[in-house]
mmCIF file of all heavy atoms, coordinates in Angstrom:
data_MODEL
# 
_entry.id   MODEL 
# 
loop_
_atom_site.group_PDB 
_atom_site.id 
_atom_site.type_symbol 
_atom_site.label_atom_id 
_atom_site.label_alt_id 
_atom_site.label_comp_id 
_atom_site.label_asym_id 
_atom_site.label_entity_id 
_atom_site.label_seq_id 
_atom_site.pdbx_PDB_ins_code 
_atom_site.Cartn_x 
_atom_site.Cartn_y 
_atom_site.Cartn_z 
_atom_site.occupancy 
_atom_site.B_iso_or_equiv 
_atom_site.pdbx_formal_charge 
_atom_site.auth_seq_id 
_atom_site.auth_comp_id 
_atom_site.auth_asym_id 
_atom_site.auth_atom_id 
_atom_site.pdbx_PDB_model_num 
ATOM 1   N N   . GLN A 1 1  ? -6.686  68.919 -39.446 1.00 0.00 ? 1  GLN A N   1 
ATOM 2   C CA  . GLN A 1 1  ? -5.797  67.945 -38.806 1.00 0.00 ? 1  GLN A CA  1 
ATOM 3   C C   . GLN A 1 1  ? -4.454  67.754 -39.387 1.00 0.00 ? 1  GLN A C   1 
ATOM 4   O O   . GLN A 1 1  ? -4.313  67.896 -40.566 1.00 0.00 ? 1  GLN A O   1 
ATOM 5   C CB  . GLN A 1 1  ? -6.594  66.560 -38.964 1.00 0.00 ? 1  GLN A CB  1 
ATOM 6   C CG  . GLN A 1 1  ? -7.789  66.366 -38.137 1.00 0.00 ? 1  GLN A CG  1 
ATOM 7   C CD  . GLN A 1 1  ? -8.373  64.954 -38.246 1.00 0.00 ? 1  GLN A CD  1 
ATOM 8   O OE1 . GLN A 1 1  ? -8.125  64.214 -39.215 1.00 0.00 ? 1  GLN A OE1 1 
ATOM 9   N NE2 . GLN A 1 1  ? -9.070  64.531 -37.254 1.00 0.00 ? 1  GLN A NE2 1 
ATOM 10  N N   . SER A 1 2  ? -3.429  67.582 -38.567 1.00 0.00 ? 2  SER A N   1 
ATOM 11  C CA  . SER A 1 2  ? -2.133  67.580 -39.021 1.00 0.00 ? 2  SER A CA  1 
ATOM 12  C C   . SER A 1 2  ? -1.981  66.132 -39.717 1.00 0.00 ? 2  SER A C   1 
ATOM 13  O O   . SER A 1 2  ? -2.906  65.258 -39.487 1.00 0.00 ? 2  SER A O   1 
ATOM 14  C CB  . SER A 1 2  ? -1.176  67.507 -37.869 1.00 0.00 ? 2  SER A CB  1 
ATOM 15  O OG  . SER A 1 2  ? -1.285  66.479 -37.004 1.00 0.00 ? 2  SER A OG  1 
ATOM 16  N N   . LYS A 1 3  ? -0.984  65.955 -40.505 1.00 0.00 ? 3  LYS A N   1 
ATOM 17  C CA  . LYS A 1 3  ? -0.720  64.638 -41.219 1.00 0.00 ? 3  LYS A CA  1 
ATOM 18  C C   . LYS A 1 3  ? -0.638  63.548 -40.267 1.00 0.00 ? 3  LYS A C   1 
ATOM 19  O O   . LYS A 1 3  ? -1.225  62.394 -40.489 1.00 0.00 ? 3  LYS A O   1 
ATOM 20  C CB  . LYS A 1 3  ? 0.287   64.766 -42.221 1.00 0.00 ? 3  LYS A CB  1 
ATOM 21  C CG  . LYS A 1 3  ? -0.042  65.619 -43.519 1.00 0.00 ? 3  LYS A CG  1 
ATOM 22  C CD  . LYS A 1 3  ? 1.249   65.687 -44.376 1.00 0.00 ? 3  LYS A CD  1 
ATOM 23  C CE  . LYS A 1 3  ? 0.771   66.374 -45.691 1.00 0.00 ? 3  LYS A CE  1 
ATOM 24  N NZ  . LYS A 1 3  ? 1.814   66.399 -46.759 1.00 0.00 ? 3  LYS A NZ  1 
ATOM 25  N N   . PRO A 1 4  ? 0.251   63.691 -39.229 1.00 0.00 ? 4  PRO A N   1 
ATOM 26  C CA  . PRO A 1 4  ? 0.459   62.605 -38.239 1.00 0.00 ? 4  PRO A CA  1 
ATOM 27  C C   . PRO A 1 4  ? -0.897  62.212 -37.597 1.00 0.00 ? 4  PRO A C   1 
ATOM 28  O O   . PRO A 1 4  ? -1.161  60.971 -37.343 1.00 0.00 ? 4  PRO A O   1 
ATOM 29  C CB  . PRO A 1 4  ? 1.433   63.191 -37.205 1.00 0.00 ? 4  PRO A CB  1 
ATOM 30  C CG  . PRO A 1 4  ? 2.141   64.161 -37.953 1.00 0.00 ? 4  PRO A CG  1 
ATOM 31  C CD  . PRO A 1 4  ? 1.149   64.783 -38.940 1.00 0.00 ? 4  PRO A CD  1 
ATOM 32  N N   . GLN A 1 5  ? -1.676  63.326 -37.201 1.00 0.00 ? 5  GLN A N   1 
ATOM 33  C CA  . GLN A 1 5  ? -2.987  62.976 -36.628 1.00 0.00 ? 5  GLN A CA  1 
ATOM 34  C C   . GLN A 1 5  ? -3.913  62.263 -37.457 1.00 0.00 ? 5  GLN A C   1 
ATOM 35  O O   . GLN A 1 5  ? -4.616  61.245 -37.136 1.00 0.00 ? 5  GLN A O   1 
ATOM 36  C CB  . GLN A 1 5  ? -3.665  64.288 -36.070 1.00 0.00 ? 5  GLN A CB  1 
ATOM 37  C CG  . GLN A 1 5  ? -4.965  64.017 -35.198 1.00 0.00 ? 5  GLN A CG  1 
ATOM 38  C CD  . GLN A 1 5  ? -4.575  63.253 -33.995 1.00 0.00 ? 5  GLN A CD  1 
ATOM 39  O OE1 . GLN A 1 5  ? -3.745  63.516 -33.253 1.00 0.00 ? 5  GLN A OE1 1 
ATOM 40  N NE2 . GLN A 1 5  ? -5.446  62.211 -33.786 1.00 0.00 ? 5  GLN A NE2 1 
ATOM 41  N N   . ALA A 1 6  ? -3.960  62.716 -38.695 1.00 0.00 ? 6  ALA A N   1 
ATOM 42  C CA  . ALA A 1 6  ? -4.717  62.163 -39.784 1.00 0.00 ? 6  ALA A CA  1 
ATOM 43  C C   . ALA A 1 6  ? -4.381  60.547 -39.957 1.00 0.00 ? 6  ALA A C   1 
ATOM 44  O O   . ALA A 1 6  ? -5.232  59.744 -40.085 1.00 0.00 ? 6  ALA A O   1 
ATOM 45  C CB  . ALA A 1 6  ? -4.827  62.825 -41.132 1.00 0.00 ? 6  ALA A CB  1 
ATOM 46  N N   . LYS A 1 7  ? -3.141  60.385 -39.954 1.00 0.00 ? 7  LYS A N   1 
ATOM 47  C CA  . LYS A 1 7  ? -2.647  59.058 -40.038 1.00 0.00 ? 7  LYS A CA  1 
ATOM 48  C C   . LYS A 1 7  ? -3.004  58.166 -38.945 1.00 0.00 ? 7  LYS A C   1 
ATOM 49  O O   . LYS A 1 7  ? -3.475  56.965 -39.053 1.00 0.00 ? 7  LYS A O   1 
ATOM 50  C CB  . LYS A 1 7  ? -1.035  59.014 -40.195 1.00 0.00 ? 7  LYS A CB  1 
ATOM 51  C CG  . LYS A 1 7  ? -0.491  57.583 -40.497 1.00 0.00 ? 7  LYS A CG  1 
ATOM 52  C CD  . LYS A 1 7  ? 1.009   57.682 -40.593 1.00 0.00 ? 7  LYS A CD  1 
ATOM 53  C CE  . LYS A 1 7  ? 1.544   56.274 -40.722 1.00 0.00 ? 7  LYS A CE  1 
ATOM 54  N NZ  . LYS A 1 7  ? 3.085   56.261 -40.755 1.00 0.00 ? 7  LYS A NZ  1 
ATOM 55  N N   . MET A 1 8  ? -2.938  58.758 -37.672 1.00 0.00 ? 8  MET A N   1 
ATOM 56  C CA  . MET A 1 8  ? -3.446  57.753 -36.500 1.00 0.00 ? 8  MET A CA  1 
ATOM 57  C C   . MET A 1 8  ? -4.824  57.651 -36.582 1.00 0.00 ? 8  MET A C   1 
ATOM 58  O O   . MET A 1 8  ? -5.273  56.578 -36.185 1.00 0.00 ? 8  MET A O   1 
ATOM 59  C CB  . MET A 1 8  ? -2.963  58.680 -35.177 1.00 0.00 ? 8  MET A CB  1 
ATOM 60  C CG  . MET A 1 8  ? -1.621  58.379 -34.786 1.00 0.00 ? 8  MET A CG  1 
ATOM 61  S SD  . MET A 1 8  ? -1.217  58.991 -33.187 1.00 0.00 ? 8  MET A SD  1 
ATOM 62  C CE  . MET A 1 8  ? -1.285  60.697 -33.251 1.00 0.00 ? 8  MET A CE  1 
ATOM 63  N N   . ASN A 1 9  ? -5.623  58.557 -37.074 1.00 0.00 ? 9  ASN A N   1 
ATOM 64  C CA  . ASN A 1 9  ? -7.107  58.383 -37.190 1.00 0.00 ? 9  ASN A CA  1 
ATOM 65  C C   . ASN A 1 9  ? -7.413  57.222 -37.995 1.00 0.00 ? 9  ASN A C   1 
ATOM 66  O O   . ASN A 1 9  ? -8.437  56.421 -37.777 1.00 0.00 ? 9  ASN A O   1 
ATOM 67  C CB  . ASN A 1 9  ? -7.745  59.600 -37.588 1.00 0.00 ? 9  ASN A CB  1 
ATOM 68  C CG  . ASN A 1 9  ? -7.869  60.638 -36.424 1.00 0.00 ? 9  ASN A CG  1 
ATOM 69  O OD1 . ASN A 1 9  ? -7.583  60.344 -35.234 1.00 0.00 ? 9  ASN A OD1 1 
ATOM 70  N ND2 . ASN A 1 9  ? -8.188  61.934 -36.820 1.00 0.00 ? 9  ASN A ND2 1 
ATOM 71  N N   . VAL A 1 10 ? -6.659  57.139 -39.171 1.00 0.00 ? 10 VAL A N   1 
ATOM 72  C CA  . VAL A 1 10 ? -6.951  55.974 -40.109 1.00 0.00 ? 10 VAL A CA  1 
ATOM 73  C C   . VAL A 1 10 ? -6.550  54.715 -39.308 1.00 0.00 ? 10 VAL A C   1 
ATOM 74  O O   . VAL A 1 10 ? -7.293  53.691 -39.480 1.00 0.00 ? 10 VAL A O   1 
ATOM 75  C CB  . VAL A 1 10 ? -6.027  56.175 -41.300 1.00 0.00 ? 10 VAL A CB  1 
ATOM 76  C CG1 . VAL A 1 10 ? -6.025  54.971 -42.085 1.00 0.00 ? 10 VAL A CG1 1 
ATOM 77  C CG2 . VAL A 1 10 ? -6.541  57.333 -42.110 1.00 0.00 ? 10 VAL A CG2 1 
ATOM 78  N N   . GLN A 1 11 ? -5.575  54.734 -38.566 1.00 0.00 ? 11 GLN A N   1 
ATOM 79  C CA  . GLN A 1 11 ? -5.214  53.565 -37.750 1.00 0.00 ? 11 GLN A CA  1 
ATOM 80  C C   . GLN A 1 11 ? -6.154  53.127 -36.744 1.00 0.00 ? 11 GLN A C   1 
ATOM 81  O O   . GLN A 1 11 ? -6.479  52.018 -36.620 1.00 0.00 ? 11 GLN A O   1 
ATOM 82  C CB  . GLN A 1 11 ? -3.738  53.741 -37.126 1.00 0.00 ? 11 GLN A CB  1 
ATOM 83  C CG  . GLN A 1 11 ? -2.606  53.791 -38.117 1.00 0.00 ? 11 GLN A CG  1 
ATOM 84  C CD  . GLN A 1 11 ? -1.303  54.044 -37.410 1.00 0.00 ? 11 GLN A CD  1 
ATOM 85  O OE1 . GLN A 1 11 ? -1.164  55.040 -36.741 1.00 0.00 ? 11 GLN A OE1 1 
ATOM 86  N NE2 . GLN A 1 11 ? -0.322  53.178 -37.398 1.00 0.00 ? 11 GLN A NE2 1 
ATOM 87  N N   . TYR A 1 12 ? -6.624  54.123 -36.174 1.00 0.00 ? 12 TYR A N   1 
ATOM 88  C CA  . TYR A 1 12 ? -7.823  53.979 -35.113 1.00 0.00 ? 12 TYR A CA  1 
ATOM 89  C C   . TYR A 1 12 ? -8.984  53.282 -35.878 1.00 0.00 ? 12 TYR A C   1 
ATOM 90  O O   . TYR A 1 12 ? -9.646  52.271 -35.298 1.00 0.00 ? 12 TYR A O   1 
ATOM 91  C CB  . TYR A 1 12 ? -8.245  55.259 -34.548 1.00 0.00 ? 12 TYR A CB  1 
ATOM 92  C CG  . TYR A 1 12 ? -7.256  55.918 -33.682 1.00 0.00 ? 12 TYR A CG  1 
ATOM 93  C CD1 . TYR A 1 12 ? -7.175  57.389 -33.640 1.00 0.00 ? 12 TYR A CD1 1 
ATOM 94  C CD2 . TYR A 1 12 ? -6.305  55.222 -32.839 1.00 0.00 ? 12 TYR A CD2 1 
ATOM 95  C CE1 . TYR A 1 12 ? -6.189  58.002 -32.730 1.00 0.00 ? 12 TYR A CE1 1 
ATOM 96  C CE2 . TYR A 1 12 ? -5.419  55.893 -32.014 1.00 0.00 ? 12 TYR A CE2 1 
ATOM 97  C CZ  . TYR A 1 12 ? -5.340  57.311 -31.953 1.00 0.00 ? 12 TYR A CZ  1 
ATOM 98  O OH  . TYR A 1 12 ? -4.413  57.938 -31.203 1.00 0.00 ? 12 TYR A OH  1 
ATOM 99  N N   . SER A 1 13 ? -9.374  53.795 -36.986 1.00 0.00 ? 13 SER A N   1 
ATOM 100 C CA  . SER A 1 13 ? -10.533 53.301 -37.722 1.00 0.00 ? 13 SER A CA  1 
ATOM 101 C C   . SER A 1 13 ? -10.203 51.858 -37.986 1.00 0.00 ? 13 SER A C   1 
ATOM 102 O O   . SER A 1 13 ? -11.197 50.994 -38.109 1.00 0.00 ? 13 SER A O   1 
ATOM 103 C CB  . SER A 1 13 ? -10.896 54.151 -38.822 1.00 0.00 ? 13 SER A CB  1 
ATOM 104 O OG  . SER A 1 13 ? -9.927  54.192 -39.804 1.00 0.00 ? 13 SER A OG  1 
ATOM 105 N N   . ASP A 1 14 ? -9.103  51.559 -38.537 1.00 0.00 ? 14 ASP A N   1 
ATOM 106 C CA  . ASP A 1 14 ? -8.779  50.064 -38.869 1.00 0.00 ? 14 ASP A CA  1 
ATOM 107 C C   . ASP A 1 14 ? -8.977  49.183 -37.727 1.00 0.00 ? 14 ASP A C   1 
ATOM 108 O O   . ASP A 1 14 ? -9.430  48.113 -37.822 1.00 0.00 ? 14 ASP A O   1 
ATOM 109 C CB  . ASP A 1 14 ? -7.349  50.102 -39.521 1.00 0.00 ? 14 ASP A CB  1 
ATOM 110 C CG  . ASP A 1 14 ? -7.271  50.712 -40.841 1.00 0.00 ? 14 ASP A CG  1 
ATOM 111 O OD1 . ASP A 1 14 ? -8.276  50.858 -41.517 1.00 0.00 ? 14 ASP A OD1 1 
ATOM 112 O OD2 . ASP A 1 14 ? -6.138  51.052 -41.317 1.00 0.00 ? 14 ASP A OD2 1 
ATOM 113 N N   . VAL A 1 15 ? -8.321  49.735 -36.563 1.00 0.00 ? 15 VAL A N   1 
ATOM 114 C CA  . VAL A 1 15 ? -8.412  48.853 -35.381 1.00 0.00 ? 15 VAL A CA  1 
ATOM 115 C C   . VAL A 1 15 ? -9.885  48.616 -35.009 1.00 0.00 ? 15 VAL A C   1 
ATOM 116 O O   . VAL A 1 15 ? -10.271 47.425 -34.638 1.00 0.00 ? 15 VAL A O   1 
ATOM 117 C CB  . VAL A 1 15 ? -7.657  49.516 -34.275 1.00 0.00 ? 15 VAL A CB  1 
ATOM 118 C CG1 . VAL A 1 15 ? -8.004  48.816 -32.881 1.00 0.00 ? 15 VAL A CG1 1 
ATOM 119 C CG2 . VAL A 1 15 ? -6.196  49.388 -34.406 1.00 0.00 ? 15 VAL A CG2 1 
ATOM 120 N N   . LEU A 1 16 ? -10.675 49.569 -35.097 1.00 0.00 ? 16 LEU A N   1 
ATOM 121 C CA  . LEU A 1 16 ? -12.072 49.502 -34.589 1.00 0.00 ? 16 LEU A CA  1 
ATOM 122 C C   . LEU A 1 16 ? -12.905 48.597 -35.653 1.00 0.00 ? 16 LEU A C   1 
ATOM 123 O O   . LEU A 1 16 ? -13.778 47.760 -35.183 1.00 0.00 ? 16 LEU A O   1 
ATOM 124 C CB  . LEU A 1 16 ? -12.726 50.911 -34.573 1.00 0.00 ? 16 LEU A CB  1 
ATOM 125 C CG  . LEU A 1 16 ? -14.166 50.891 -34.248 1.00 0.00 ? 16 LEU A CG  1 
ATOM 126 C CD1 . LEU A 1 16 ? -14.335 50.310 -32.788 1.00 0.00 ? 16 LEU A CD1 1 
ATOM 127 C CD2 . LEU A 1 16 ? -14.776 52.370 -34.174 1.00 0.00 ? 16 LEU A CD2 1 
ATOM 128 N N   . ALA A 1 17 ? -12.597 48.772 -36.933 1.00 0.00 ? 17 ALA A N   1 
ATOM 129 C CA  . ALA A 1 17 ? -13.258 47.951 -37.979 1.00 0.00 ? 17 ALA A CA  1 
ATOM 130 C C   . ALA A 1 17 ? -12.978 46.452 -37.635 1.00 0.00 ? 17 ALA A C   1 
ATOM 131 O O   . ALA A 1 17 ? -13.916 45.641 -37.708 1.00 0.00 ? 17 ALA A O   1 
ATOM 132 C CB  . ALA A 1 17 ? -12.881 48.347 -39.333 1.00 0.00 ? 17 ALA A CB  1 
ATOM 133 N N   . LYS A 1 18 ? -11.797 46.148 -37.360 1.00 0.00 ? 18 LYS A N   1 
ATOM 134 C CA  . LYS A 1 18 ? -11.379 44.768 -37.199 1.00 0.00 ? 18 LYS A CA  1 
ATOM 135 C C   . LYS A 1 18 ? -12.019 44.235 -35.967 1.00 0.00 ? 18 LYS A C   1 
ATOM 136 O O   . LYS A 1 18 ? -12.414 43.089 -35.854 1.00 0.00 ? 18 LYS A O   1 
ATOM 137 C CB  . LYS A 1 18 ? -9.792  44.554 -37.177 1.00 0.00 ? 18 LYS A CB  1 
ATOM 138 C CG  . LYS A 1 18 ? -9.125  44.875 -38.529 1.00 0.00 ? 18 LYS A CG  1 
ATOM 139 C CD  . LYS A 1 18 ? -7.601  44.715 -38.348 1.00 0.00 ? 18 LYS A CD  1 
ATOM 140 C CE  . LYS A 1 18 ? -6.982  45.085 -39.651 1.00 0.00 ? 18 LYS A CE  1 
ATOM 141 N NZ  . LYS A 1 18 ? -5.461  45.111 -39.500 1.00 0.00 ? 18 LYS A NZ  1 
ATOM 142 N N   . PHE A 1 19 ? -11.971 45.085 -34.907 1.00 0.00 ? 19 PHE A N   1 
ATOM 143 C CA  . PHE A 1 19 ? -12.605 44.692 -33.597 1.00 0.00 ? 19 PHE A CA  1 
ATOM 144 C C   . PHE A 1 19 ? -14.118 44.327 -33.683 1.00 0.00 ? 19 PHE A C   1 
ATOM 145 O O   . PHE A 1 19 ? -14.452 43.357 -33.279 1.00 0.00 ? 19 PHE A O   1 
ATOM 146 C CB  . PHE A 1 19 ? -12.435 45.774 -32.577 1.00 0.00 ? 19 PHE A CB  1 
ATOM 147 C CG  . PHE A 1 19 ? -12.844 45.452 -31.245 1.00 0.00 ? 19 PHE A CG  1 
ATOM 148 C CD1 . PHE A 1 19 ? -11.827 44.820 -30.297 1.00 0.00 ? 19 PHE A CD1 1 
ATOM 149 C CD2 . PHE A 1 19 ? -14.124 45.750 -30.829 1.00 0.00 ? 19 PHE A CD2 1 
ATOM 150 C CE1 . PHE A 1 19 ? -12.407 44.584 -29.048 1.00 0.00 ? 19 PHE A CE1 1 
ATOM 151 C CE2 . PHE A 1 19 ? -14.566 45.390 -29.543 1.00 0.00 ? 19 PHE A CE2 1 
ATOM 152 C CZ  . PHE A 1 19 ? -13.655 44.802 -28.687 1.00 0.00 ? 19 PHE A CZ  1 
ATOM 153 N N   . CYS A 1 20 ? -14.709 45.212 -34.487 1.00 0.00 ? 20 CYS A N   1 
ATOM 154 C CA  . CYS A 1 20 ? -16.274 45.067 -34.654 1.00 0.00 ? 20 CYS A CA  1 
ATOM 155 C C   . CYS A 1 20 ? -16.534 43.882 -35.522 1.00 0.00 ? 20 CYS A C   1 
ATOM 156 O O   . CYS A 1 20 ? -17.487 43.178 -35.209 1.00 0.00 ? 20 CYS A O   1 
ATOM 157 C CB  . CYS A 1 20 ? -16.838 46.383 -35.178 1.00 0.00 ? 20 CYS A CB  1 
ATOM 158 S SG  . CYS A 1 20 ? -16.777 47.846 -34.167 1.00 0.00 ? 20 CYS A SG  1 
ATOM 159 N N   . ALA A 1 21 ? -15.584 43.637 -36.486 1.00 0.00 ? 21 ALA A N   1 
ATOM 160 C CA  . ALA A 1 21 ? -15.959 42.414 -37.344 1.00 0.00 ? 21 ALA A CA  1 
ATOM 161 C C   . ALA A 1 21 ? -15.579 41.130 -36.558 1.00 0.00 ? 21 ALA A C   1 
ATOM 162 O O   . ALA A 1 21 ? -16.391 40.141 -36.652 1.00 0.00 ? 21 ALA A O   1 
ATOM 163 C CB  . ALA A 1 21 ? -15.028 42.492 -38.533 1.00 0.00 ? 21 ALA A CB  1 
ATOM 164 N N   . GLN A 1 22 ? -14.613 41.268 -35.749 1.00 0.00 ? 22 GLN A N   1 
ATOM 165 C CA  . GLN A 1 22 ? -14.174 40.033 -34.975 1.00 0.00 ? 22 GLN A CA  1 
ATOM 166 C C   . GLN A 1 22 ? -15.284 39.653 -34.000 1.00 0.00 ? 22 GLN A C   1 
ATOM 167 O O   . GLN A 1 22 ? -15.552 38.453 -33.807 1.00 0.00 ? 22 GLN A O   1 
ATOM 168 C CB  . GLN A 1 22 ? -12.851 40.262 -34.185 1.00 0.00 ? 22 GLN A CB  1 
ATOM 169 C CG  . GLN A 1 22 ? -12.467 39.055 -33.483 1.00 0.00 ? 22 GLN A CG  1 
ATOM 170 C CD  . GLN A 1 22 ? -11.114 39.252 -32.716 1.00 0.00 ? 22 GLN A CD  1 
ATOM 171 O OE1 . GLN A 1 22 ? -10.447 40.383 -32.894 1.00 0.00 ? 22 GLN A OE1 1 
ATOM 172 N NE2 . GLN A 1 22 ? -10.628 38.361 -31.844 1.00 0.00 ? 22 GLN A NE2 1 
ATOM 173 N N   . TYR A 1 23 ? -15.956 40.592 -33.405 1.00 0.00 ? 23 TYR A N   1 
ATOM 174 C CA  . TYR A 1 23 ? -16.853 40.358 -32.252 1.00 0.00 ? 23 TYR A CA  1 
ATOM 175 C C   . TYR A 1 23 ? -18.324 40.476 -32.730 1.00 0.00 ? 23 TYR A C   1 
ATOM 176 O O   . TYR A 1 23 ? -19.249 40.411 -32.006 1.00 0.00 ? 23 TYR A O   1 
ATOM 177 C CB  . TYR A 1 23 ? -16.560 41.085 -31.048 1.00 0.00 ? 23 TYR A CB  1 
ATOM 178 C CG  . TYR A 1 23 ? -15.242 40.797 -30.336 1.00 0.00 ? 23 TYR A CG  1 
ATOM 179 C CD1 . TYR A 1 23 ? -14.188 41.724 -30.607 1.00 0.00 ? 23 TYR A CD1 1 
ATOM 180 C CD2 . TYR A 1 23 ? -15.074 39.604 -29.793 1.00 0.00 ? 23 TYR A CD2 1 
ATOM 181 C CE1 . TYR A 1 23 ? -12.822 41.406 -30.139 1.00 0.00 ? 23 TYR A CE1 1 
ATOM 182 C CE2 . TYR A 1 23 ? -13.839 39.315 -29.338 1.00 0.00 ? 23 TYR A CE2 1 
ATOM 183 C CZ  . TYR A 1 23 ? -12.723 40.174 -29.447 1.00 0.00 ? 23 TYR A CZ  1 
ATOM 184 O OH  . TYR A 1 23 ? -11.442 39.881 -28.876 1.00 0.00 ? 23 TYR A OH  1 
ATOM 185 N N   . ASP A 1 24 ? -18.513 40.621 -34.041 1.00 0.00 ? 24 ASP A N   1 
ATOM 186 C CA  . ASP A 1 24 ? -19.850 40.747 -34.666 1.00 0.00 ? 24 ASP A CA  1 
ATOM 187 C C   . ASP A 1 24 ? -20.737 41.829 -33.999 1.00 0.00 ? 24 ASP A C   1 
ATOM 188 O O   . ASP A 1 24 ? -21.849 41.679 -33.538 1.00 0.00 ? 24 ASP A O   1 
ATOM 189 C CB  . ASP A 1 24 ? -20.550 39.384 -34.629 1.00 0.00 ? 24 ASP A CB  1 
ATOM 190 C CG  . ASP A 1 24 ? -21.828 39.391 -35.419 1.00 0.00 ? 24 ASP A CG  1 
ATOM 191 O OD1 . ASP A 1 24 ? -21.946 40.249 -36.366 1.00 0.00 ? 24 ASP A OD1 1 
ATOM 192 O OD2 . ASP A 1 24 ? -22.742 38.555 -35.187 1.00 0.00 ? 24 ASP A OD2 1 
ATOM 193 N N   . VAL A 1 25 ? -20.148 43.001 -33.814 1.00 0.00 ? 25 VAL A N   1 
ATOM 194 C CA  . VAL A 1 25 ? -20.821 44.122 -33.227 1.00 0.00 ? 25 VAL A CA  1 
ATOM 195 C C   . VAL A 1 25 ? -20.815 45.396 -34.106 1.00 0.00 ? 25 VAL A C   1 
ATOM 196 O O   . VAL A 1 25 ? -20.222 46.393 -33.749 1.00 0.00 ? 25 VAL A O   1 
ATOM 197 C CB  . VAL A 1 25 ? -20.375 44.534 -31.728 1.00 0.00 ? 25 VAL A CB  1 
ATOM 198 C CG1 . VAL A 1 25 ? -20.974 43.500 -30.699 1.00 0.00 ? 25 VAL A CG1 1 
ATOM 199 C CG2 . VAL A 1 25 ? -18.824 44.483 -31.703 1.00 0.00 ? 25 VAL A CG2 1 
ATOM 200 N N   . PRO A 1 26 ? -21.453 45.317 -35.295 1.00 0.00 ? 26 PRO A N   1 
ATOM 201 C CA  . PRO A 1 26 ? -21.307 46.476 -36.235 1.00 0.00 ? 26 PRO A CA  1 
ATOM 202 C C   . PRO A 1 26 ? -21.805 47.785 -35.623 1.00 0.00 ? 26 PRO A C   1 
ATOM 203 O O   . PRO A 1 26 ? -21.252 48.856 -36.095 1.00 0.00 ? 26 PRO A O   1 
ATOM 204 C CB  . PRO A 1 26 ? -22.091 46.006 -37.384 1.00 0.00 ? 26 PRO A CB  1 
ATOM 205 C CG  . PRO A 1 26 ? -23.102 44.950 -36.904 1.00 0.00 ? 26 PRO A CG  1 
ATOM 206 C CD  . PRO A 1 26 ? -22.281 44.247 -35.814 1.00 0.00 ? 26 PRO A CD  1 
ATOM 207 N N   . ASN A 1 27 ? -22.789 47.782 -34.809 1.00 0.00 ? 27 ASN A N   1 
ATOM 208 C CA  . ASN A 1 27 ? -23.240 48.949 -34.121 1.00 0.00 ? 27 ASN A CA  1 
ATOM 209 C C   . ASN A 1 27 ? -22.318 49.698 -33.381 1.00 0.00 ? 27 ASN A C   1 
ATOM 210 O O   . ASN A 1 27 ? -22.408 50.957 -33.087 1.00 0.00 ? 27 ASN A O   1 
ATOM 211 C CB  . ASN A 1 27 ? -24.519 48.756 -33.333 1.00 0.00 ? 27 ASN A CB  1 
ATOM 212 C CG  . ASN A 1 27 ? -25.769 48.215 -34.094 1.00 0.00 ? 27 ASN A CG  1 
ATOM 213 O OD1 . ASN A 1 27 ? -25.907 48.575 -35.223 1.00 0.00 ? 27 ASN A OD1 1 
ATOM 214 N ND2 . ASN A 1 27 ? -26.554 47.418 -33.474 1.00 0.00 ? 27 ASN A ND2 1 
# 
C-alpha cells in the first residue's frame, strides 16, 4: 500500500470505529 492509501485506510477505520461506537453496533 502506498503511504497516501495507508493514511486513508487509517482515516476509514477511525470513521468506522466512531460510527459503531455511536450506534452501539460493534459487530
